[in-house]
Protein backbone atom coordinates (compact mmCIF):
# COMPACT_ATOMS: atom_id res chain seq x y z
CA UNK A 1 0.00 0.00 0.00
CA UNK A 2 2.84 2.41 0.74
CA UNK A 3 4.28 1.89 -2.73
CA UNK A 4 0.95 2.84 -4.32
CA UNK A 5 0.61 6.03 -2.27
CA UNK A 6 4.16 7.22 -2.84
CA UNK A 7 4.33 6.09 -6.46
CA UNK A 8 7.63 4.31 -5.83
CA UNK A 9 8.45 0.85 -6.96
CA UNK A 10 11.10 -1.07 -5.05
CA UNK A 11 12.56 -2.31 -8.35
CA UNK A 12 12.94 1.13 -9.92
CA UNK A 13 15.37 3.85 -9.02
CA UNK A 14 13.98 6.97 -7.38
CA UNK A 15 14.57 9.83 -9.82
CA UNK A 16 12.90 12.76 -8.03
CA UNK A 17 15.51 15.36 -7.21
CA UNK A 18 15.86 18.88 -5.96
CA UNK A 19 19.25 20.52 -6.21
CA UNK A 20 21.01 23.81 -6.71
CA UNK A 21 24.08 24.60 -8.76
CA UNK A 22 26.05 27.39 -10.37
CA UNK A 23 26.46 27.26 -14.14
CA UNK A 24 27.85 29.40 -16.95
CA UNK A 25 25.20 31.32 -18.89
CA UNK A 26 25.48 32.27 -22.57
CA UNK A 27 22.91 33.87 -24.82
CA UNK A 28 22.10 35.75 -27.96
CA UNK A 29 19.25 38.15 -28.58
CA UNK A 30 17.76 41.11 -30.38
CA UNK A 31 17.09 44.52 -28.81
CA UNK A 32 16.88 46.76 -31.87
CA UNK A 33 20.08 45.00 -32.99
CA UNK A 34 22.09 41.92 -32.12
CA UNK A 35 23.40 41.34 -28.59
CA UNK A 36 25.35 38.58 -26.84
CA UNK A 37 25.71 37.80 -23.15
CA UNK A 38 28.14 35.80 -21.07
CA UNK A 39 27.89 35.28 -17.33
CA UNK A 40 26.86 32.98 -14.50
CA UNK A 41 23.57 31.58 -13.15
CA UNK A 42 22.68 30.21 -9.73
CA UNK A 43 19.93 27.64 -10.33
CA UNK A 44 17.50 25.76 -8.09
CA UNK A 45 15.97 22.82 -9.97
CA UNK A 46 13.20 20.40 -9.01
CA UNK A 47 11.97 17.49 -11.12
CA UNK A 48 9.43 16.22 -8.59
CA UNK A 49 5.90 15.70 -9.88
CA UNK A 50 3.79 18.86 -9.53
CA UNK A 51 6.99 20.77 -8.68
CA UNK A 52 8.64 20.32 -12.09
CA UNK A 53 10.32 23.69 -12.30
CA UNK A 54 13.26 25.88 -11.49
CA UNK A 55 14.33 29.29 -10.29
CA UNK A 56 17.51 31.15 -11.07
CA UNK A 57 19.40 34.32 -10.31
CA UNK A 58 21.93 35.42 -12.92
CA UNK A 59 24.41 38.11 -13.82
CA UNK A 60 25.90 38.54 -17.27
CA UNK A 61 28.01 40.95 -19.26
CA UNK A 62 26.18 42.12 -22.40
CA UNK A 63 27.73 43.14 -25.73
CA UNK A 64 25.24 45.11 -27.88
CA UNK A 65 25.24 46.55 -31.40
CA UNK A 66 23.71 50.01 -31.91
CA UNK A 67 23.33 49.57 -35.68
CA UNK A 68 23.86 46.75 -38.16
CA UNK A 69 27.24 48.07 -39.37
CA UNK A 70 28.72 48.66 -35.90
CA UNK A 71 30.72 46.26 -33.83
CA UNK A 72 29.45 45.54 -30.33
CA UNK A 73 29.97 49.17 -29.26
CA UNK A 74 27.51 49.21 -26.33
CA UNK A 75 28.19 47.06 -23.29
CA UNK A 76 27.21 46.63 -19.69
CA UNK A 77 25.91 44.36 -16.96
CA UNK A 78 22.61 42.56 -16.66
CA UNK A 79 21.15 41.15 -13.44
CA UNK A 80 17.98 39.09 -13.39
CA UNK A 81 15.78 36.58 -11.68
CA UNK A 82 13.47 34.06 -13.30
CA UNK A 83 11.32 31.09 -12.48
CA UNK A 84 9.79 28.32 -14.53
CA UNK A 85 7.12 25.72 -14.03
CA UNK A 86 6.49 23.10 -16.66
CA UNK A 87 7.58 24.80 -19.86
CA UNK A 88 6.51 28.34 -18.91
CA UNK A 89 8.94 30.97 -17.65
CA UNK A 90 8.62 34.48 -16.19
CA UNK A 91 11.11 36.87 -14.68
CA UNK A 92 12.57 40.36 -14.38
CA UNK A 93 15.93 41.76 -15.43
CA UNK A 94 17.80 45.05 -15.23
CA UNK A 95 20.52 46.18 -17.63
CA UNK A 96 22.94 49.06 -17.13
CA UNK A 97 24.55 49.77 -20.51
CA UNK A 98 27.43 52.10 -21.40
CA UNK A 99 27.44 53.84 -24.77
CA UNK A 100 29.90 56.64 -25.62
CA UNK A 101 30.53 57.39 -21.94
CA UNK A 102 26.85 57.59 -20.95
CA UNK A 103 24.91 54.97 -19.00
CA UNK A 104 21.40 53.78 -19.84
CA UNK A 105 19.13 51.60 -17.68
CA UNK A 106 16.60 49.09 -18.96
CA UNK A 107 14.17 47.29 -16.64
CA UNK A 108 12.39 44.42 -18.39
CA UNK A 109 9.76 41.94 -17.22
CA UNK A 110 9.87 38.79 -19.33
CA UNK A 111 7.89 35.70 -20.25
CA UNK A 112 8.77 32.72 -22.38
CA UNK A 113 9.35 29.04 -22.73
CA UNK A 114 11.91 27.27 -20.60
CA UNK A 115 13.28 23.86 -19.84
CA UNK A 116 14.09 24.10 -16.10
CA UNK A 117 15.81 27.52 -16.59
CA UNK A 118 18.54 25.63 -18.46
CA UNK A 119 17.31 26.53 -21.97
CA UNK A 120 15.17 29.67 -22.31
CA UNK A 121 13.39 31.37 -25.19
CA UNK A 122 12.15 34.69 -23.88
CA UNK A 123 10.28 37.86 -24.79
CA UNK A 124 11.02 41.03 -22.80
CA UNK A 125 9.40 44.45 -22.74
CA UNK A 126 11.21 47.51 -21.40
CA UNK A 127 9.21 49.02 -18.56
CA UNK A 128 11.23 52.19 -17.92
CA UNK A 129 10.47 55.38 -19.81
CA UNK A 130 12.93 56.00 -22.60
CA UNK A 131 13.58 59.24 -24.45
CA UNK A 132 15.17 60.04 -27.81
CA UNK A 133 18.64 60.03 -26.23
CA UNK A 134 18.52 56.27 -25.58
CA UNK A 135 20.56 54.44 -28.23
CA UNK A 136 18.14 51.47 -28.20
CA UNK A 137 14.61 52.72 -28.82
CA UNK A 138 12.62 49.50 -29.07
CA UNK A 139 10.62 48.44 -26.03
CA UNK A 140 10.72 44.82 -27.23
CA UNK A 141 13.46 42.22 -26.95
CA UNK A 142 13.78 38.53 -27.75
CA UNK A 143 16.52 36.20 -26.59
CA UNK A 144 17.63 32.61 -26.24
CA UNK A 145 20.07 31.57 -23.53
CA UNK A 146 21.57 28.46 -21.96
CA UNK A 147 22.90 27.59 -18.50
CA UNK A 148 24.62 24.23 -18.48
CA UNK A 149 27.28 22.52 -16.41
CA UNK A 150 28.29 18.91 -15.70
CA UNK A 151 25.88 18.52 -12.75
CA UNK A 152 22.89 19.69 -14.82
CA UNK A 153 24.00 17.53 -17.74
CA UNK A 154 24.37 14.36 -15.65
CA UNK A 155 21.35 14.81 -13.35
CA UNK A 156 18.83 16.40 -15.69
CA UNK A 157 19.83 16.45 -19.37
CA UNK A 158 20.73 12.75 -19.59
CA UNK A 159 17.71 11.59 -17.55
CA UNK A 160 15.12 13.95 -19.04
CA UNK A 161 16.29 15.24 -22.43
CA UNK A 162 14.05 18.03 -23.77
CA UNK A 163 13.05 15.90 -26.77
CA UNK A 164 11.74 13.11 -24.48
CA UNK A 165 9.10 15.45 -23.12
CA UNK A 166 7.28 14.90 -26.43
CA UNK A 167 5.48 11.58 -27.03
CA UNK A 168 7.47 8.79 -28.64
CA UNK A 169 6.18 8.96 -32.22
CA UNK A 170 7.65 5.60 -33.30
CA UNK A 171 5.88 3.75 -30.51
CA UNK A 172 2.58 5.50 -31.29
CA UNK A 173 2.81 4.64 -34.99
CA UNK A 174 3.67 0.98 -34.34
CA UNK A 175 0.79 0.64 -31.87
CA UNK A 176 -1.70 2.01 -34.41
CA UNK A 177 -0.58 -0.48 -37.08
C-alpha atoms as a PDB file:
ATOM      1  CA  UNK A   1       0.000   0.000   0.000  1.00  0.00           C
ATOM      2  CA  UNK A   2       2.842   2.407   0.743  1.00  0.00           C
ATOM      3  CA  UNK A   3       4.275   1.894  -2.726  1.00  0.00           C
ATOM      4  CA  UNK A   4       0.948   2.836  -4.319  1.00  0.00           C
ATOM      5  CA  UNK A   5       0.609   6.028  -2.269  1.00  0.00           C
ATOM      6  CA  UNK A   6       4.160   7.219  -2.843  1.00  0.00           C
ATOM      7  CA  UNK A   7       4.330   6.092  -6.461  1.00  0.00           C
ATOM      8  CA  UNK A   8       7.627   4.311  -5.831  1.00  0.00           C
ATOM      9  CA  UNK A   9       8.447   0.846  -6.962  1.00  0.00           C
ATOM     10  CA  UNK A  10      11.099  -1.074  -5.045  1.00  0.00           C
ATOM     11  CA  UNK A  11      12.556  -2.314  -8.352  1.00  0.00           C
ATOM     12  CA  UNK A  12      12.941   1.129  -9.924  1.00  0.00           C
ATOM     13  CA  UNK A  13      15.367   3.845  -9.021  1.00  0.00           C
ATOM     14  CA  UNK A  14      13.980   6.967  -7.379  1.00  0.00           C
ATOM     15  CA  UNK A  15      14.567   9.832  -9.819  1.00  0.00           C
ATOM     16  CA  UNK A  16      12.902  12.755  -8.027  1.00  0.00           C
ATOM     17  CA  UNK A  17      15.512  15.356  -7.208  1.00  0.00           C
ATOM     18  CA  UNK A  18      15.862  18.877  -5.964  1.00  0.00           C
ATOM     19  CA  UNK A  19      19.252  20.521  -6.205  1.00  0.00           C
ATOM     20  CA  UNK A  20      21.013  23.809  -6.706  1.00  0.00           C
ATOM     21  CA  UNK A  21      24.076  24.602  -8.759  1.00  0.00           C
ATOM     22  CA  UNK A  22      26.052  27.393 -10.368  1.00  0.00           C
ATOM     23  CA  UNK A  23      26.462  27.258 -14.144  1.00  0.00           C
ATOM     24  CA  UNK A  24      27.846  29.396 -16.955  1.00  0.00           C
ATOM     25  CA  UNK A  25      25.197  31.325 -18.887  1.00  0.00           C
ATOM     26  CA  UNK A  26      25.484  32.266 -22.567  1.00  0.00           C
ATOM     27  CA  UNK A  27      22.912  33.872 -24.817  1.00  0.00           C
ATOM     28  CA  UNK A  28      22.104  35.751 -27.958  1.00  0.00           C
ATOM     29  CA  UNK A  29      19.246  38.146 -28.575  1.00  0.00           C
ATOM     30  CA  UNK A  30      17.756  41.113 -30.379  1.00  0.00           C
ATOM     31  CA  UNK A  31      17.093  44.517 -28.811  1.00  0.00           C
ATOM     32  CA  UNK A  32      16.878  46.755 -31.873  1.00  0.00           C
ATOM     33  CA  UNK A  33      20.077  45.002 -32.993  1.00  0.00           C
ATOM     34  CA  UNK A  34      22.087  41.916 -32.123  1.00  0.00           C
ATOM     35  CA  UNK A  35      23.402  41.340 -28.588  1.00  0.00           C
ATOM     36  CA  UNK A  36      25.350  38.583 -26.844  1.00  0.00           C
ATOM     37  CA  UNK A  37      25.709  37.801 -23.154  1.00  0.00           C
ATOM     38  CA  UNK A  38      28.143  35.796 -21.068  1.00  0.00           C
ATOM     39  CA  UNK A  39      27.892  35.277 -17.326  1.00  0.00           C
ATOM     40  CA  UNK A  40      26.856  32.984 -14.500  1.00  0.00           C
ATOM     41  CA  UNK A  41      23.570  31.578 -13.146  1.00  0.00           C
ATOM     42  CA  UNK A  42      22.676  30.210  -9.728  1.00  0.00           C
ATOM     43  CA  UNK A  43      19.926  27.638 -10.333  1.00  0.00           C
ATOM     44  CA  UNK A  44      17.501  25.763  -8.092  1.00  0.00           C
ATOM     45  CA  UNK A  45      15.966  22.818  -9.975  1.00  0.00           C
ATOM     46  CA  UNK A  46      13.197  20.399  -9.008  1.00  0.00           C
ATOM     47  CA  UNK A  47      11.973  17.494 -11.118  1.00  0.00           C
ATOM     48  CA  UNK A  48       9.434  16.215  -8.593  1.00  0.00           C
ATOM     49  CA  UNK A  49       5.900  15.702  -9.876  1.00  0.00           C
ATOM     50  CA  UNK A  50       3.795  18.864  -9.527  1.00  0.00           C
ATOM     51  CA  UNK A  51       6.989  20.766  -8.677  1.00  0.00           C
ATOM     52  CA  UNK A  52       8.640  20.320 -12.090  1.00  0.00           C
ATOM     53  CA  UNK A  53      10.322  23.689 -12.304  1.00  0.00           C
ATOM     54  CA  UNK A  54      13.255  25.877 -11.488  1.00  0.00           C
ATOM     55  CA  UNK A  55      14.328  29.293 -10.293  1.00  0.00           C
ATOM     56  CA  UNK A  56      17.513  31.151 -11.071  1.00  0.00           C
ATOM     57  CA  UNK A  57      19.400  34.318 -10.311  1.00  0.00           C
ATOM     58  CA  UNK A  58      21.926  35.421 -12.915  1.00  0.00           C
ATOM     59  CA  UNK A  59      24.406  38.107 -13.820  1.00  0.00           C
ATOM     60  CA  UNK A  60      25.902  38.539 -17.270  1.00  0.00           C
ATOM     61  CA  UNK A  61      28.011  40.951 -19.262  1.00  0.00           C
ATOM     62  CA  UNK A  62      26.181  42.122 -22.400  1.00  0.00           C
ATOM     63  CA  UNK A  63      27.730  43.145 -25.730  1.00  0.00           C
ATOM     64  CA  UNK A  64      25.236  45.107 -27.881  1.00  0.00           C
ATOM     65  CA  UNK A  65      25.241  46.554 -31.398  1.00  0.00           C
ATOM     66  CA  UNK A  66      23.708  50.011 -31.906  1.00  0.00           C
ATOM     67  CA  UNK A  67      23.328  49.573 -35.685  1.00  0.00           C
ATOM     68  CA  UNK A  68      23.865  46.749 -38.157  1.00  0.00           C
ATOM     69  CA  UNK A  69      27.244  48.068 -39.373  1.00  0.00           C
ATOM     70  CA  UNK A  70      28.718  48.660 -35.898  1.00  0.00           C
ATOM     71  CA  UNK A  71      30.720  46.259 -33.834  1.00  0.00           C
ATOM     72  CA  UNK A  72      29.446  45.537 -30.328  1.00  0.00           C
ATOM     73  CA  UNK A  73      29.968  49.168 -29.257  1.00  0.00           C
ATOM     74  CA  UNK A  74      27.514  49.215 -26.329  1.00  0.00           C
ATOM     75  CA  UNK A  75      28.186  47.057 -23.295  1.00  0.00           C
ATOM     76  CA  UNK A  76      27.211  46.631 -19.686  1.00  0.00           C
ATOM     77  CA  UNK A  77      25.912  44.359 -16.964  1.00  0.00           C
ATOM     78  CA  UNK A  78      22.613  42.555 -16.662  1.00  0.00           C
ATOM     79  CA  UNK A  79      21.146  41.150 -13.437  1.00  0.00           C
ATOM     80  CA  UNK A  80      17.985  39.093 -13.394  1.00  0.00           C
ATOM     81  CA  UNK A  81      15.783  36.583 -11.677  1.00  0.00           C
ATOM     82  CA  UNK A  82      13.469  34.063 -13.301  1.00  0.00           C
ATOM     83  CA  UNK A  83      11.322  31.088 -12.478  1.00  0.00           C
ATOM     84  CA  UNK A  84       9.791  28.316 -14.528  1.00  0.00           C
ATOM     85  CA  UNK A  85       7.123  25.720 -14.035  1.00  0.00           C
ATOM     86  CA  UNK A  86       6.492  23.099 -16.663  1.00  0.00           C
ATOM     87  CA  UNK A  87       7.579  24.797 -19.864  1.00  0.00           C
ATOM     88  CA  UNK A  88       6.506  28.339 -18.906  1.00  0.00           C
ATOM     89  CA  UNK A  89       8.941  30.967 -17.650  1.00  0.00           C
ATOM     90  CA  UNK A  90       8.623  34.477 -16.194  1.00  0.00           C
ATOM     91  CA  UNK A  91      11.111  36.871 -14.682  1.00  0.00           C
ATOM     92  CA  UNK A  92      12.566  40.362 -14.378  1.00  0.00           C
ATOM     93  CA  UNK A  93      15.934  41.758 -15.430  1.00  0.00           C
ATOM     94  CA  UNK A  94      17.799  45.047 -15.226  1.00  0.00           C
ATOM     95  CA  UNK A  95      20.518  46.184 -17.630  1.00  0.00           C
ATOM     96  CA  UNK A  96      22.938  49.063 -17.133  1.00  0.00           C
ATOM     97  CA  UNK A  97      24.546  49.768 -20.508  1.00  0.00           C
ATOM     98  CA  UNK A  98      27.432  52.101 -21.401  1.00  0.00           C
ATOM     99  CA  UNK A  99      27.438  53.840 -24.774  1.00  0.00           C
ATOM    100  CA  UNK A 100      29.895  56.639 -25.616  1.00  0.00           C
ATOM    101  CA  UNK A 101      30.528  57.394 -21.944  1.00  0.00           C
ATOM    102  CA  UNK A 102      26.848  57.590 -20.953  1.00  0.00           C
ATOM    103  CA  UNK A 103      24.905  54.975 -19.001  1.00  0.00           C
ATOM    104  CA  UNK A 104      21.401  53.779 -19.836  1.00  0.00           C
ATOM    105  CA  UNK A 105      19.128  51.604 -17.681  1.00  0.00           C
ATOM    106  CA  UNK A 106      16.602  49.094 -18.962  1.00  0.00           C
ATOM    107  CA  UNK A 107      14.169  47.291 -16.637  1.00  0.00           C
ATOM    108  CA  UNK A 108      12.392  44.418 -18.388  1.00  0.00           C
ATOM    109  CA  UNK A 109       9.761  41.944 -17.218  1.00  0.00           C
ATOM    110  CA  UNK A 110       9.868  38.789 -19.326  1.00  0.00           C
ATOM    111  CA  UNK A 111       7.893  35.698 -20.245  1.00  0.00           C
ATOM    112  CA  UNK A 112       8.767  32.725 -22.377  1.00  0.00           C
ATOM    113  CA  UNK A 113       9.354  29.038 -22.734  1.00  0.00           C
ATOM    114  CA  UNK A 114      11.911  27.268 -20.602  1.00  0.00           C
ATOM    115  CA  UNK A 115      13.281  23.858 -19.844  1.00  0.00           C
ATOM    116  CA  UNK A 116      14.087  24.105 -16.103  1.00  0.00           C
ATOM    117  CA  UNK A 117      15.805  27.515 -16.592  1.00  0.00           C
ATOM    118  CA  UNK A 118      18.541  25.632 -18.464  1.00  0.00           C
ATOM    119  CA  UNK A 119      17.305  26.525 -21.969  1.00  0.00           C
ATOM    120  CA  UNK A 120      15.170  29.668 -22.312  1.00  0.00           C
ATOM    121  CA  UNK A 121      13.391  31.369 -25.193  1.00  0.00           C
ATOM    122  CA  UNK A 122      12.148  34.690 -23.879  1.00  0.00           C
ATOM    123  CA  UNK A 123      10.280  37.865 -24.789  1.00  0.00           C
ATOM    124  CA  UNK A 124      11.024  41.030 -22.797  1.00  0.00           C
ATOM    125  CA  UNK A 125       9.399  44.452 -22.743  1.00  0.00           C
ATOM    126  CA  UNK A 126      11.212  47.508 -21.402  1.00  0.00           C
ATOM    127  CA  UNK A 127       9.209  49.021 -18.559  1.00  0.00           C
ATOM    128  CA  UNK A 128      11.229  52.194 -17.916  1.00  0.00           C
ATOM    129  CA  UNK A 129      10.474  55.382 -19.807  1.00  0.00           C
ATOM    130  CA  UNK A 130      12.930  56.002 -22.598  1.00  0.00           C
ATOM    131  CA  UNK A 131      13.583  59.241 -24.451  1.00  0.00           C
ATOM    132  CA  UNK A 132      15.174  60.044 -27.814  1.00  0.00           C
ATOM    133  CA  UNK A 133      18.640  60.026 -26.225  1.00  0.00           C
ATOM    134  CA  UNK A 134      18.523  56.271 -25.582  1.00  0.00           C
ATOM    135  CA  UNK A 135      20.562  54.436 -28.233  1.00  0.00           C
ATOM    136  CA  UNK A 136      18.142  51.473 -28.201  1.00  0.00           C
ATOM    137  CA  UNK A 137      14.609  52.724 -28.820  1.00  0.00           C
ATOM    138  CA  UNK A 138      12.618  49.501 -29.067  1.00  0.00           C
ATOM    139  CA  UNK A 139      10.618  48.438 -26.033  1.00  0.00           C
ATOM    140  CA  UNK A 140      10.718  44.824 -27.228  1.00  0.00           C
ATOM    141  CA  UNK A 141      13.461  42.216 -26.953  1.00  0.00           C
ATOM    142  CA  UNK A 142      13.779  38.530 -27.745  1.00  0.00           C
ATOM    143  CA  UNK A 143      16.523  36.196 -26.589  1.00  0.00           C
ATOM    144  CA  UNK A 144      17.625  32.605 -26.238  1.00  0.00           C
ATOM    145  CA  UNK A 145      20.075  31.574 -23.527  1.00  0.00           C
ATOM    146  CA  UNK A 146      21.573  28.462 -21.958  1.00  0.00           C
ATOM    147  CA  UNK A 147      22.900  27.588 -18.498  1.00  0.00           C
ATOM    148  CA  UNK A 148      24.617  24.226 -18.478  1.00  0.00           C
ATOM    149  CA  UNK A 149      27.280  22.520 -16.412  1.00  0.00           C
ATOM    150  CA  UNK A 150      28.290  18.907 -15.695  1.00  0.00           C
ATOM    151  CA  UNK A 151      25.881  18.519 -12.752  1.00  0.00           C
ATOM    152  CA  UNK A 152      22.893  19.689 -14.820  1.00  0.00           C
ATOM    153  CA  UNK A 153      23.999  17.528 -17.741  1.00  0.00           C
ATOM    154  CA  UNK A 154      24.369  14.358 -15.645  1.00  0.00           C
ATOM    155  CA  UNK A 155      21.348  14.805 -13.349  1.00  0.00           C
ATOM    156  CA  UNK A 156      18.828  16.398 -15.690  1.00  0.00           C
ATOM    157  CA  UNK A 157      19.832  16.452 -19.367  1.00  0.00           C
ATOM    158  CA  UNK A 158      20.731  12.753 -19.589  1.00  0.00           C
ATOM    159  CA  UNK A 159      17.713  11.586 -17.548  1.00  0.00           C
ATOM    160  CA  UNK A 160      15.117  13.953 -19.037  1.00  0.00           C
ATOM    161  CA  UNK A 161      16.291  15.243 -22.433  1.00  0.00           C
ATOM    162  CA  UNK A 162      14.050  18.030 -23.771  1.00  0.00           C
ATOM    163  CA  UNK A 163      13.055  15.895 -26.766  1.00  0.00           C
ATOM    164  CA  UNK A 164      11.737  13.107 -24.483  1.00  0.00           C
ATOM    165  CA  UNK A 165       9.096  15.452 -23.122  1.00  0.00           C
ATOM    166  CA  UNK A 166       7.282  14.899 -26.432  1.00  0.00           C
ATOM    167  CA  UNK A 167       5.476  11.576 -27.030  1.00  0.00           C
ATOM    168  CA  UNK A 168       7.465   8.787 -28.643  1.00  0.00           C
ATOM    169  CA  UNK A 169       6.177   8.960 -32.225  1.00  0.00           C
ATOM    170  CA  UNK A 170       7.652   5.602 -33.302  1.00  0.00           C
ATOM    171  CA  UNK A 171       5.878   3.746 -30.508  1.00  0.00           C
ATOM    172  CA  UNK A 172       2.581   5.505 -31.290  1.00  0.00           C
ATOM    173  CA  UNK A 173       2.807   4.641 -34.989  1.00  0.00           C
ATOM    174  CA  UNK A 174       3.666   0.978 -34.344  1.00  0.00           C
ATOM    175  CA  UNK A 175       0.787   0.636 -31.869  1.00  0.00           C
ATOM    176  CA  UNK A 176      -1.700   2.014 -34.411  1.00  0.00           C
ATOM    177  CA  UNK A 177      -0.575  -0.483 -37.077  1.00  0.00           C
END
